[in-house]
Amino acid sequence: DATEYTISSIDASGGKDGFRGGDAFRPSINAYMFANARAL
């Protein structure tokens, strides 16, 4: 989502990292897909 080291990825690592991981339902991608569906 071009946003590494967010709360979801840091906490999913137990606070040890956060570059990878932390898969989440995010307001960003869902807003993007809403906008894409509306545009289509």
PDB file of all heavy atoms in Angstrom:
ATOM      1  N   ASP A   1       0.844  -1.189   0.000  1.00  0.00           N
ATOM      2  CA  ASP A   1       0.000   0.000   0.000  1.00  0.00           C
ATOM      3  C   ASP A   1       0.884   1.245   0.000  1.00  0.00           C
ATOM      4  O   ASP A   1       0.414   2.358   0.214  1.00  0.00           O
ATOM      5  CB  ASP A   1      -0.885  -0.012   1.252  1.00  0.00           C
ATOM      6  CG  ASP A   1      -2.204   0.722   1.064  1.00  0.00           C
ATOM      7  OD1 ASP A   1      -2.648   0.903  -0.080  1.00  0.00           O
ATOM      8  OD2 ASP A   1      -2.787   1.121   2.087  1.00  0.00           O
ATOM      9  N   ALA A   2       2.208   1.008  -0.203  1.00  0.00           N
ATOM     10  CA  ALA A   2       3.242   2.055  -0.221  1.00  0.00           C
ATOM     11  C   ALA A   2       3.373   2.736   1.136  1.00  0.00           C
ATOM     12  O   ALA A   2       3.760   3.901   1.213  1.00  0.00           O
ATOM     13  CB  ALA A   2       2.976   3.078  -1.324  1.00  0.00           C
ATOM     14  N   THR A   3       3.058   2.008   2.227  1.00  0.00           N
ATOM     15  CA  THR A   3       3.089   2.594   3.576  1.00  0.00           C
ATOM     16  C   THR A   3       3.655   1.586   4.576  1.00  0.00           C
ATOM     17  O   THR A   3       2.964   1.159   5.507  1.00  0.00           O
ATOM     18  CB  THR A   3       1.682   3.026   4.017  1.00  0.00           C
ATOM     19  OG1 THR A   3       0.802   1.891   3.956  1.00  0.00           O
ATOM     20  CG2 THR A   3       1.132   4.125   3.133  1.00  0.00           C
ATOM     21  N   GLU A   4       4.918   1.231   4.410  1.00  0.00           N
ATOM     22  CA  GLU A   4       5.536   0.273   5.327  1.00  0.00           C
ATOM     23  C   GLU A   4       5.703   0.844   6.730  1.00  0.00           C
ATOM     24  O   GLU A   4       5.758   2.058   6.909  1.00  0.00           O
ATOM     25  CB  GLU A   4       6.891  -0.181   4.778  1.00  0.00           C
ATOM     26  CG  GLU A   4       7.904   0.923   4.576  1.00  0.00           C
ATOM     27  CD  GLU A   4       7.851   1.573   3.208  1.00  0.00           C
ATOM     28  OE1 GLU A   4       6.761   1.609   2.597  1.00  0.00           O
ATOM     29  OE2 GLU A   4       8.905   2.053   2.751  1.00  0.00           O
ATOM     30  N   TYR A   5       5.769  -0.040   7.690  1.00  0.00           N
ATOM     31  CA  TYR A   5       5.899   0.342   9.108  1.00  0.00           C
ATOM     32  C   TYR A   5       4.706   1.161   9.593  1.00  0.00           C
ATOM     33  O   TYR A   5       4.849   2.216  10.188  1.00  0.00           O
ATOM     34  CB  TYR A   5       7.214   1.091   9.372  1.00  0.00           C
ATOM     35  CG  TYR A   5       8.435   0.208   9.223  1.00  0.00           C
ATOM     36  CD1 TYR A   5       9.162   0.206   8.034  1.00  0.00           C
ATOM     37  CD2 TYR A   5       8.849  -0.632  10.250  1.00  0.00           C
ATOM     38  CE1 TYR A   5      10.273  -0.615   7.875  1.00  0.00           C
ATOM     39  CE2 TYR A   5       9.960  -1.460  10.108  1.00  0.00           C
ATOM     40  CZ  TYR A   5      10.664  -1.439   8.921  1.00  0.00           C
ATOM     41  OH  TYR A   5      11.751  -2.264   8.757  1.00  0.00           O
ATOM     42  N   THR A   6       3.519   0.640   9.324  1.00  0.00           N
ATOM     43  CA  THR A   6       2.304   1.176   9.916  1.00  0.00           C
ATOM     44  C   THR A   6       2.021   0.411  11.209  1.00  0.00           C
ATOM     45  O   THR A   6       2.722  -0.540  11.555  1.00  0.00           O
ATOM     46  CB  THR A   6       1.121   1.009   8.960  1.00  0.00           C
ATOM     47  OG1 THR A   6       0.897  -0.393   8.767  1.00  0.00           O
ATOM     48  CG2 THR A   6       1.391   1.659   7.618  1.00  0.00           C
ATOM     49  N   ILE A   7       0.952   0.806  11.896  1.00  0.00           N
ATOM     50  CA  ILE A   7       0.591   0.102  13.132  1.00  0.00           C
ATOM     51  C   ILE A   7       0.360  -1.379  12.858  1.00  0.00           C
ATOM     52  O   ILE A   7       0.844  -2.242  13.605  1.00  0.00           O
ATOM     53  CB  ILE A   7      -0.661   0.735  13.776  1.00  0.00           C
ATOM     54  CG1 ILE A   7      -0.336   2.124  14.312  1.00  0.00           C
ATOM     55  CG2 ILE A   7      -1.191  -0.151  14.909  1.00  0.00           C
ATOM     56  CD1 ILE A   7      -1.525   2.851  14.925  1.00  0.00           C
ATOM     57  N   SER A   8      -0.355  -1.690  11.784  1.00  0.00           N
ATOM     58  CA  SER A   8      -0.686  -3.097  11.541  1.00  0.00           C
ATOM     59  C   SER A   8       0.553  -3.939  11.281  1.00  0.00           C
ATOM     60  O   SER A   8       0.666  -5.061  11.786  1.00  0.00           O
ATOM     61  CB  SER A   8      -1.680  -3.231  10.378  1.00  0.00           C
ATOM     62  OG  SER A   8      -1.126  -2.762   9.178  1.00  0.00           O
ATOM     63  N   SER A   9       1.504  -3.427  10.517  1.00  0.00           N
ATOM     64  CA  SER A   9       2.685  -4.253  10.213  1.00  0.00           C
ATOM     65  C   SER A   9       3.649  -4.304  11.396  1.00  0.00           C
ATOM     66  O   SER A   9       4.262  -5.342  11.655  1.00  0.00           O
ATOM     67  CB  SER A   9       3.391  -3.736   8.958  1.00  0.00           C
ATOM     68  OG  SER A   9       3.845  -2.412   9.113  1.00  0.00           O
ATOM     69  N   ILE A  10       3.788  -3.211  12.147  1.00  0.00           N
ATOM     70  CA  ILE A  10       4.670  -3.233  13.315  1.00  0.00           C
ATOM     71  C   ILE A  10       4.104  -4.159  14.389  1.00  0.00           C
ATOM     72  O   ILE A  10       4.811  -5.018  14.942  1.00  0.00           O
ATOM     73  CB  ILE A  10       4.863  -1.812  13.873  1.00  0.00           C
ATOM     74  CG1 ILE A  10       5.645  -0.953  12.879  1.00  0.00           C
ATOM     75  CG2 ILE A  10       5.603  -1.855  15.211  1.00  0.00           C
ATOM     76  CD1 ILE A  10       5.714   0.525  13.259  1.00  0.00           C
ATOM     77  N   ASP A  11       2.819  -4.016  14.687  1.00  0.00           N
ATOM     78  CA  ASP A  11       2.228  -4.843  15.745  1.00  0.00           C
ATOM     79  C   ASP A  11       2.125  -6.306  15.349  1.00  0.00           C
ATOM     80  O   ASP A  11       2.212  -7.195  16.200  1.00  0.00           O
ATOM     81  CB  ASP A  11       0.862  -4.293  16.130  1.00  0.00           C
ATOM     82  CG  ASP A  11       0.956  -3.051  16.999  1.00  0.00           C
ATOM     83  OD1 ASP A  11       2.093  -2.619  17.296  1.00  0.00           O
ATOM     84  OD2 ASP A  11      -0.098  -2.500  17.378  1.00  0.00           O
ATOM     85  N   ALA A  12       1.947  -6.575  14.063  1.00  0.00           N
ATOM     86  CA  ALA A  12       1.908  -7.971  13.614  1.00  0.00           C
ATOM     87  C   ALA A  12       3.251  -8.662  13.789  1.00  0.00           C
ATOM     88  O   ALA A  12       3.333  -9.888  13.827  1.00  0.00           O
ATOM     89  CB  ALA A  12       1.465  -8.053  12.157  1.00  0.00           C
ATOM     90  N   SER A  13       4.327  -7.860  13.901  1.00  0.00           N
ATOM     91  CA  SER A  13       5.662  -8.426  14.141  1.00  0.00           C
ATOM     92  C   SER A  13       5.993  -8.495  15.627  1.00  0.00           C
ATOM     93  O   SER A  13       7.110  -8.860  15.997  1.00  0.00           O
ATOM     94  CB  SER A  13       6.731  -7.572  13.443  1.00  0.00           C
ATOM     95  OG  SER A  13       6.967  -6.375  14.160  1.00  0.00           O
ATOM     96  N   GLY A  14       5.047  -8.107  16.465  1.00  0.00           N
ATOM     97  CA  GLY A  14       5.328  -8.048  17.886  1.00  0.00           C
ATOM     98  C   GLY A  14       6.200  -6.864  18.259  1.00  0.00           C
ATOM     99  O   GLY A  14       6.871  -6.882  19.293  1.00  0.00           O
ATOM    100  N   GLY A  15       6.208  -5.836  17.422  1.00  0.00           N
ATOM    101  CA  GLY A  15       7.009  -4.650  17.677  1.00  0.00           C
ATOM    102  C   GLY A  15       8.471  -4.805  17.323  1.00  0.00           C
ATOM    103  O   GLY A  15       9.286  -3.926  17.638  1.00  0.00           O
ATOM    104  N   LYS A  16       8.813  -5.881  16.610  1.00  0.00           N
ATOM    105  CA  LYS A  16      10.214  -6.132  16.271  1.00  0.00           C
ATOM    106  C   LYS A  16      10.598  -5.565  14.911  1.00  0.00           C
ATOM    107  O   LYS A  16      11.769  -5.299  14.646  1.00  0.00           O
ATOM    108  CB  LYS A  16      10.498  -7.634  16.306  1.00  0.00           C
ATOM    109  CG  LYS A  16      10.337  -8.251  17.693  1.00  0.00           C
ATOM    110  CD  LYS A  16      10.573  -9.752  17.655  1.00  0.00           C
ATOM    111  CE  LYS A  16      10.388 -10.372  19.036  1.00  0.00           C
ATOM    112  NZ  LYS A  16      10.571 -11.852  19.003  1.00  0.00           N
ATOM    113  N   ASP A  17       9.608  -5.431  14.003  1.00  0.00           N
ATOM    114  CA  ASP A  17       9.909  -4.924  12.667  1.00  0.00           C
ATOM    115  C   ASP A  17       8.651  -4.275  12.114  1.00  0.00           C
ATOM    116  O   ASP A  17       7.962  -3.581  12.836  1.00  0.00           O
ATOM    117  CB  ASP A  17      10.436  -6.044  11.770  1.00  0.00           C
ATOM    118  CG  ASP A  17      11.066  -5.510  10.488  1.00  0.00           C
ATOM    119  OD1 ASP A  17      11.727  -4.460  10.544  1.00  0.00           O
ATOM    120  OD2 ASP A  17      10.889  -6.140   9.436  1.00  0.00           O
ATOM    121  N   GLY A  18       8.321  -4.515  10.862  1.00  0.00           N
ATOM    122  CA  GLY A  18       7.147  -3.912  10.266  1.00  0.00           C
ATOM    123  C   GLY A  18       7.310  -3.560   8.809  1.00  0.00           C
ATOM    124  O   GLY A  18       6.415  -2.960   8.211  1.00  0.00           O
ATOM    125  N   PHE A  19       8.447  -3.950   8.228  1.00  0.00           N
ATOM    126  CA  PHE A  19       8.643  -3.684   6.801  1.00  0.00           C
ATOM    127  C   PHE A  19       7.708  -4.558   5.980  1.00  0.00           C
ATOM    128  O   PHE A  19       7.030  -4.073   5.075  1.00  0.00           O
ATOM    129  CB  PHE A  19      10.096  -3.931   6.421  1.00  0.00           C
ATOM    130  CG  PHE A  19      10.400  -3.660   4.962  1.00  0.00           C
ATOM    131  CD1 PHE A  19      10.271  -2.379   4.449  1.00  0.00           C
ATOM    132  CD2 PHE A  19      10.821  -4.678   4.122  1.00  0.00           C
ATOM    133  CE1 PHE A  19      10.547  -2.119   3.107  1.00  0.00           C
ATOM    134  CE2 PHE A  19      11.097  -4.424   2.784  1.00  0.00           C
ATOM    135  CZ  PHE A  19      10.957  -3.144   2.273  1.00  0.00           C
ATOM    136  N   ARG A  20       7.651  -5.825   6.270  1.00  0.00           N
ATOM    137  CA  ARG A  20       6.737  -6.757   5.607  1.00  0.00           C
ATOM    138  C   ARG A  20       5.668  -7.204   6.601  1.00  0.00           C
ATOM    139  O   ARG A  20       5.764  -6.989   7.803  1.00  0.00           O
ATOM    140  CB  ARG A  20       7.485  -7.988   5.071  1.00  0.00           C
ATOM    141  CG  ARG A  20       8.564  -7.719   4.047  1.00  0.00           C
ATOM    142  CD  ARG A  20       8.071  -6.942   2.842  1.00  0.00           C
ATOM    143  NE  ARG A  20       6.945  -7.525   2.155  1.00  0.00           N
ATOM    144  CZ  ARG A  20       7.026  -8.207   0.997  1.00  0.00           C
ATOM    145  NH1 ARG A  20       8.205  -8.390   0.420  1.00  0.00           N
ATOM    146  NH2 ARG A  20       5.943  -8.674   0.411  1.00  0.00           N
ATOM    147  N   GLY A  21       4.635  -7.855   6.072  1.00  0.00           N
ATOM    148  CA  GLY A  21       3.593  -8.416   6.919  1.00  0.00           C
ATOM    149  C   GLY A  21       2.557  -7.393   7.335  1.00  0.00           C
ATOM    150  O   GLY A  21       2.536  -6.253   6.877  1.00  0.00           O
ATOM    151  N   GLY A  22       1.673  -7.832   8.226  1.00  0.00           N
ATOM    152  CA  GLY A  22       0.620  -6.962   8.728  1.00  0.00           C
ATOM    153  C   GLY A  22      -0.543  -6.788   7.782  1.00  0.00           C
ATOM    154  O   GLY A  22      -1.195  -5.730   7.798  1.00  0.00           O
ATOM    155  N   ASP A  23      -0.839  -7.819   6.956  1.00  0.00           N
ATOM    156  CA  ASP A  23      -1.973  -7.724   6.028  1.00  0.00           C
ATOM    157  C   ASP A  23      -3.209  -7.209   6.762  1.00  0.00           C
ATOM    158  O   ASP A  23      -3.550  -7.685   7.851  1.00  0.00           O
ATOM    159  CB  ASP A  23      -2.297  -9.091   5.443  1.00  0.00           C
ATOM    160  CG  ASP A  23      -1.180  -9.647   4.573  1.00  0.00           C
ATOM    161  OD1 ASP A  23      -0.163  -8.952   4.402  1.00  0.00           O
ATOM    162  OD2 ASP A  23      -1.323 -10.783   4.090  1.00  0.00           O
ATOM    163  N   ALA A  24      -3.887  -6.231   6.155  1.00  0.00           N
ATOM    164  CA  ALA A  24      -5.011  -5.598   6.846  1.00  0.00           C
ATOM    165  C   ALA A  24      -6.039  -5.082   5.852  1.00  0.00           C
ATOM    166  O   ALA A  24      -5.726  -4.766   4.708  1.00  0.00           O
ATOM    167  CB  ALA A  24      -4.515  -4.456   7.732  1.00  0.00           C
ATOM    168  N   PHE A  25      -7.290  -4.996   6.335  1.00  0.00           N
ATOM    169  CA  PHE A  25      -8.346  -4.293   5.621  1.00  0.00           C
ATOM    170  C   PHE A  25      -8.154  -2.813   5.957  1.00  0.00           C
ATOM    171  O   PHE A  25      -8.386  -2.392   7.094  1.00  0.00           O
ATOM    172  CB  PHE A  25      -9.717  -4.771   6.089  1.00  0.00           C
ATOM    173  CG  PHE A  25      -9.927  -6.246   5.951  1.00  0.00           C
ATOM    174  CD1 PHE A  25      -9.735  -7.103   7.038  1.00  0.00           C
ATOM    175  CD2 PHE A  25     -10.315  -6.798   4.740  1.00  0.00           C
ATOM    176  CE1 PHE A  25      -9.937  -8.465   6.916  1.00  0.00           C
ATOM    177  CE2 PHE A  25     -10.519  -8.174   4.606  1.00  0.00           C
ATOM    178  CZ  PHE A  25     -10.326  -9.014   5.699  1.00  0.00           C
ATOM    179  N   ARG A  26      -7.727  -2.029   4.987  1.00  0.00           N
ATOM    180  CA  ARG A  26      -7.309  -0.664   5.260  1.00  0.00           C
ATOM    181  C   ARG A  26      -8.282   0.351   4.631  1.00  0.00           C
ATOM    182  O   ARG A  26      -8.868   0.095   3.563  1.00  0.00           O
ATOM    183  CB  ARG A  26      -5.901  -0.396   4.723  1.00  0.00           C
ATOM    184  CG  ARG A  26      -4.863  -1.435   5.123  1.00  0.00           C
ATOM    185  CD  ARG A  26      -3.455  -0.887   4.988  1.00  0.00           C
ATOM    186  NE  ARG A  26      -3.160   0.058   6.060  1.00  0.00           N
ATOM    187  CZ  ARG A  26      -2.462   1.171   5.906  1.00  0.00           C
ATOM    188  NH1 ARG A  26      -1.997   1.513   4.721  1.00  0.00           N
ATOM    189  NH2 ARG A  26      -2.239   1.963   6.938  1.00  0.00           N
ATOM    190  N   PRO A  27      -8.463   1.508   5.251  1.00  0.00           N
ATOM    191  CA  PRO A  27      -9.300   2.541   4.624  1.00  0.00           C
ATOM    192  C   PRO A  27      -8.789   2.962   3.251  1.00  0.00           C
ATOM    193  O   PRO A  27      -9.590   3.323   2.378  1.00  0.00           O
ATOM    194  CB  PRO A  27      -9.215   3.711   5.615  1.00  0.00           C
ATOM    195  CG  PRO A  27      -8.840   3.100   6.921  1.00  0.00           C
ATOM    196  CD  PRO A  27      -7.971   1.925   6.576  1.00  0.00           C
ATOM    197  N   SER A  28      -7.469   2.911   3.051  1.00  0.00           N
ATOM    198  CA  SER A  28      -6.873   3.369   1.795  1.00  0.00           C
ATOM    199  C   SER A  28      -7.290   2.508   0.611  1.00  0.00           C
ATOM    200  O   SER A  28      -7.933   3.007  -0.325  1.00  0.00           O
ATOM    201  CB  SER A  28      -5.350   3.402   1.927  1.00  0.00           C
ATOM    202  OG  SER A  28      -4.881   2.198   2.510  1.00  0.00           O
ATOM    203  N   ILE A  29      -6.934   1.233   0.625  1.00  0.00           N
ATOM    204  CA  ILE A  29      -7.227   0.397  -0.548  1.00  0.00           C
ATOM    205  C   ILE A  29      -8.724   0.302  -0.791  1.00  0.00           C
ATOM    206  O   ILE A  29      -9.175   0.269  -1.945  1.00  0.00           O
ATOM    207  CB  ILE A  29      -6.584  -1.002  -0.435  1.00  0.00           C
ATOM    208  CG1 ILE A  29      -6.757  -1.741  -1.767  1.00  0.00           C
ATOM    209  CG2 ILE A  29      -7.133  -1.775   0.743  1.00  0.00           C
ATOM    210  CD1 ILE A  29      -6.031  -3.060  -1.849  1.00  0.00           C
ATOM    211  N   ASN A  30      -9.509   0.303   0.272  1.00  0.00           N
ATOM    212  CA  ASN A  30     -10.957   0.231   0.067  1.00  0.00           C
ATOM    213  C   ASN A  30     -11.511   1.528  -0.496  1.00  0.00           C
ATOM    214  O   ASN A  30     -12.434   1.506  -1.321  1.00  0.00           O
ATOM    215  CB  ASN A  30     -11.642  -0.167   1.375  1.00  0.00           C
ATOM    216  CG  ASN A  30     -11.474  -1.646   1.653  1.00  0.00           C
ATOM    217  OD1 ASN A  30     -12.136  -2.478   1.053  1.00  0.00           O
ATOM    218  ND2 ASN A  30     -10.554  -1.982   2.544  1.00  0.00           N
ATOM    219  N   ALA A  31     -10.941   2.664  -0.101  1.00  0.00           N
ATOM    220  CA  ALA A  31     -11.346   3.932  -0.719  1.00  0.00           C
ATOM    221  C   ALA A  31     -10.935   3.960  -2.189  1.00  0.00           C
ATOM    222  O   ALA A  31     -11.686   4.452  -3.044  1.00  0.00           O
ATOM    223  CB  ALA A  31     -10.727   5.101   0.035  1.00  0.00           C
ATOM    224  N   TYR A  32      -9.738   3.438  -2.495  1.00  0.00           N
ATOM    225  CA  TYR A  32      -9.281   3.401  -3.887  1.00  0.00           C
ATOM    226  C   TYR A  32     -10.219   2.540  -4.736  1.00  0.00           C
ATOM    227  O   TYR A  32     -10.605   2.939  -5.847  1.00  0.00           O
ATOM    228  CB  TYR A  32      -7.874   2.823  -3.992  1.00  0.00           C
ATOM    229  CG  TYR A  32      -6.784   3.548  -3.246  1.00  0.00           C
ATOM    230  CD1 TYR A  32      -5.575   2.904  -2.962  1.00  0.00           C
ATOM    231  CD2 TYR A  32      -6.935   4.863  -2.813  1.00  0.00           C
ATOM    232  CE1 TYR A  32      -4.556   3.546  -2.278  1.00  0.00           C
ATOM    233  CE2 TYR A  32      -5.922   5.516  -2.123  1.00  0.00           C
ATOM    234  CZ  TYR A  32      -4.735   4.847  -1.855  1.00  0.00           C
ATOM    235  OH  TYR A  32      -3.726   5.482  -1.170  1.00  0.00           O
ATOM    236  N   MET A  33     -10.562   1.366  -4.220  1.00  0.00           N
ATOM    237  CA  MET A  33     -11.402   0.461  -5.009  1.00  0.00           C
ATOM    238  C   MET A  33     -12.829   0.997  -5.125  1.00  0.00           C
ATOM    239  O   MET A  33     -13.490   0.798  -6.152  1.00  0.00           O
ATOM    240  CB  MET A  33     -11.374  -0.932  -4.402  1.00  0.00           C
ATOM    241  CG  MET A  33      -9.987  -1.595  -4.447  1.00  0.00           C
ATOM    242  SD  MET A  33      -9.242  -1.637  -6.106  1.00  0.00           S
ATOM    243  CE  MET A  33     -10.295  -2.829  -6.931  1.00  0.00           C
ATOM    244  N   PHE A  34     -13.307   1.669  -4.096  1.00  0.00           N
ATOM    245  CA  PHE A  34     -14.593   2.371  -4.199  1.00  0.00           C
ATOM    246  C   PHE A  34     -14.539   3.400  -5.326  1.00  0.00           C
ATOM    247  O   PHE A  34     -15.431   3.466  -6.178  1.00  0.00           O
ATOM    248  CB  PHE A  34     -14.919   3.048  -2.865  1.00  0.00           C
ATOM    249  CG  PHE A  34     -15.935   4.148  -2.974  1.00  0.00           C
ATOM    250  CD1 PHE A  34     -17.295   3.862  -3.042  1.00  0.00           C
ATOM    251  CD2 PHE A  34     -15.536   5.483  -3.016  1.00  0.00           C
ATOM    252  CE1 PHE A  34     -18.236   4.882  -3.155  1.00  0.00           C
ATOM    253  CE2 PHE A  34     -16.467   6.507  -3.124  1.00  0.00           C
ATOM    254  CZ  PHE A  34     -17.825   6.208  -3.195  1.00  0.00           C
ATOM    255  N   ALA A  35     -13.477   4.209  -5.327  1.00  0.00           N
ATOM    256  CA  ALA A  35     -13.347   5.256  -6.344  1.00  0.00           C
ATOM    257  C   ALA A  35     -13.200   4.654  -7.736  1.00  0.00           C
ATOM    258  O   ALA A  35     -13.751   5.179  -8.714  1.00  0.00           O
ATOM    259  CB  ALA A  35     -12.152   6.143  -6.020  1.00  0.00           C
ATOM    260  N   ASN A  36     -12.449   3.554  -7.843  1.00  0.00           N
ATOM    261  CA  ASN A  36     -12.287   2.899  -9.146  1.00  0.00           C
ATOM    262  C   ASN A  36     -13.610   2.328  -9.644  1.00  0.00           C
ATOM    263  O   ASN A  36     -13.937   2.433 -10.837  1.00  0.00           O
ATOM    264  CB  ASN A  36     -11.234   1.797  -9.047  1.00  0.00           C
ATOM    265  CG  ASN A  36      -9.823   2.346  -8.956  1.00  0.00           C
ATOM    266  OD1 ASN A  36      -9.544   3.443  -9.421  1.00  0.00           O
ATOM    267  ND2 ASN A  36      -8.922   1.586  -8.353  1.00  0.00           N
ATOM    268  N   ALA A  37     -14.387   1.712  -8.743  1.00  0.00           N
ATOM    269  CA  ALA A  37     -15.686   1.167  -9.147  1.00  0.00           C
ATOM    270  C   ALA A  37     -16.622   2.285  -9.585  1.00  0.00           C
ATOM    271  O   ALA A  37     -17.326   2.177 -10.601  1.00  0.00           O
ATOM    272  CB  ALA A  37     -16.295   0.374  -7.995  1.00  0.00           C
ATOM    273  N   ARG A  38     -16.639   3.373  -8.833  1.00  0.00           N
ATOM    274  CA  ARG A  38     -17.490   4.514  -9.195  1.00  0.00           C
ATOM    275  C   ARG A  38     -17.071   5.096 -10.545  1.00  0.00           C
ATOM    276  O   ARG A  38     -17.919   5.424 -11.389  1.00  0.00           O
ATOM    277  CB  ARG A  38     -17.397   5.569  -8.099  1.00  0.00           C
ATOM    278  CG  ARG A  38     -18.260   6.798  -8.332  1.00  0.00           C
ATOM    279  CD  ARG A  38     -17.974   7.859  -7.272  1.00  0.00           C
ATOM    280  NE  ARG A  38     -16.556   8.214  -7.263  1.00  0.00           N
ATOM    281  CZ  ARG A  38     -15.973   8.943  -6.312  1.00  0.00           C
ATOM    282  NH1 ARG A  38     -16.680   9.374  -5.287  1.00  0.00           N
ATOM    283  NH2 ARG A  38     -14.678   9.219  -6.380  1.00  0.00           N
ATOM    284  N   ALA A  39     -15.753   5.219 -10.767  1.00  0.00           N
ATOM    285  CA  ALA A  39     -15.267   5.739 -12.046  1.00  0.00           C
ATOM    286  C   ALA A  39     -15.660   4.821 -13.195  1.00  0.00           C
ATOM    287  O   ALA A  39     -16.060   5.296 -14.274  1.00  0.00           O
ATOM    288  CB  ALA A  39     -13.751   5.909 -11.992  1.00  0.00           C
ATOM    289  N   LEU A  40     -15.553   3.512 -12.986  1.00  0.00           N
ATOM    290  CA  LEU A  40     -15.938   2.569 -14.039  1.00  0.00           C
ATOM    291  C   LEU A  40     -17.431   2.652 -14.321  1.00  0.00           C
ATOM    292  O   LEU A  40     -17.867   2.470 -15.466  1.00  0.00           O
ATOM    293  CB  LEU A  40     -15.532   1.156 -13.652  1.00  0.00           C
ATOM    294  CG  LEU A  40     -14.029   0.878 -13.771  1.00  0.00           C
ATOM    295  CD1 LEU A  40     -13.666  -0.449 -13.121  1.00  0.00           C
ATOM    296  CD2 LEU A  40     -13.602   0.891 -15.233  1.00  0.00           C
TER     297      LEU A  40
END
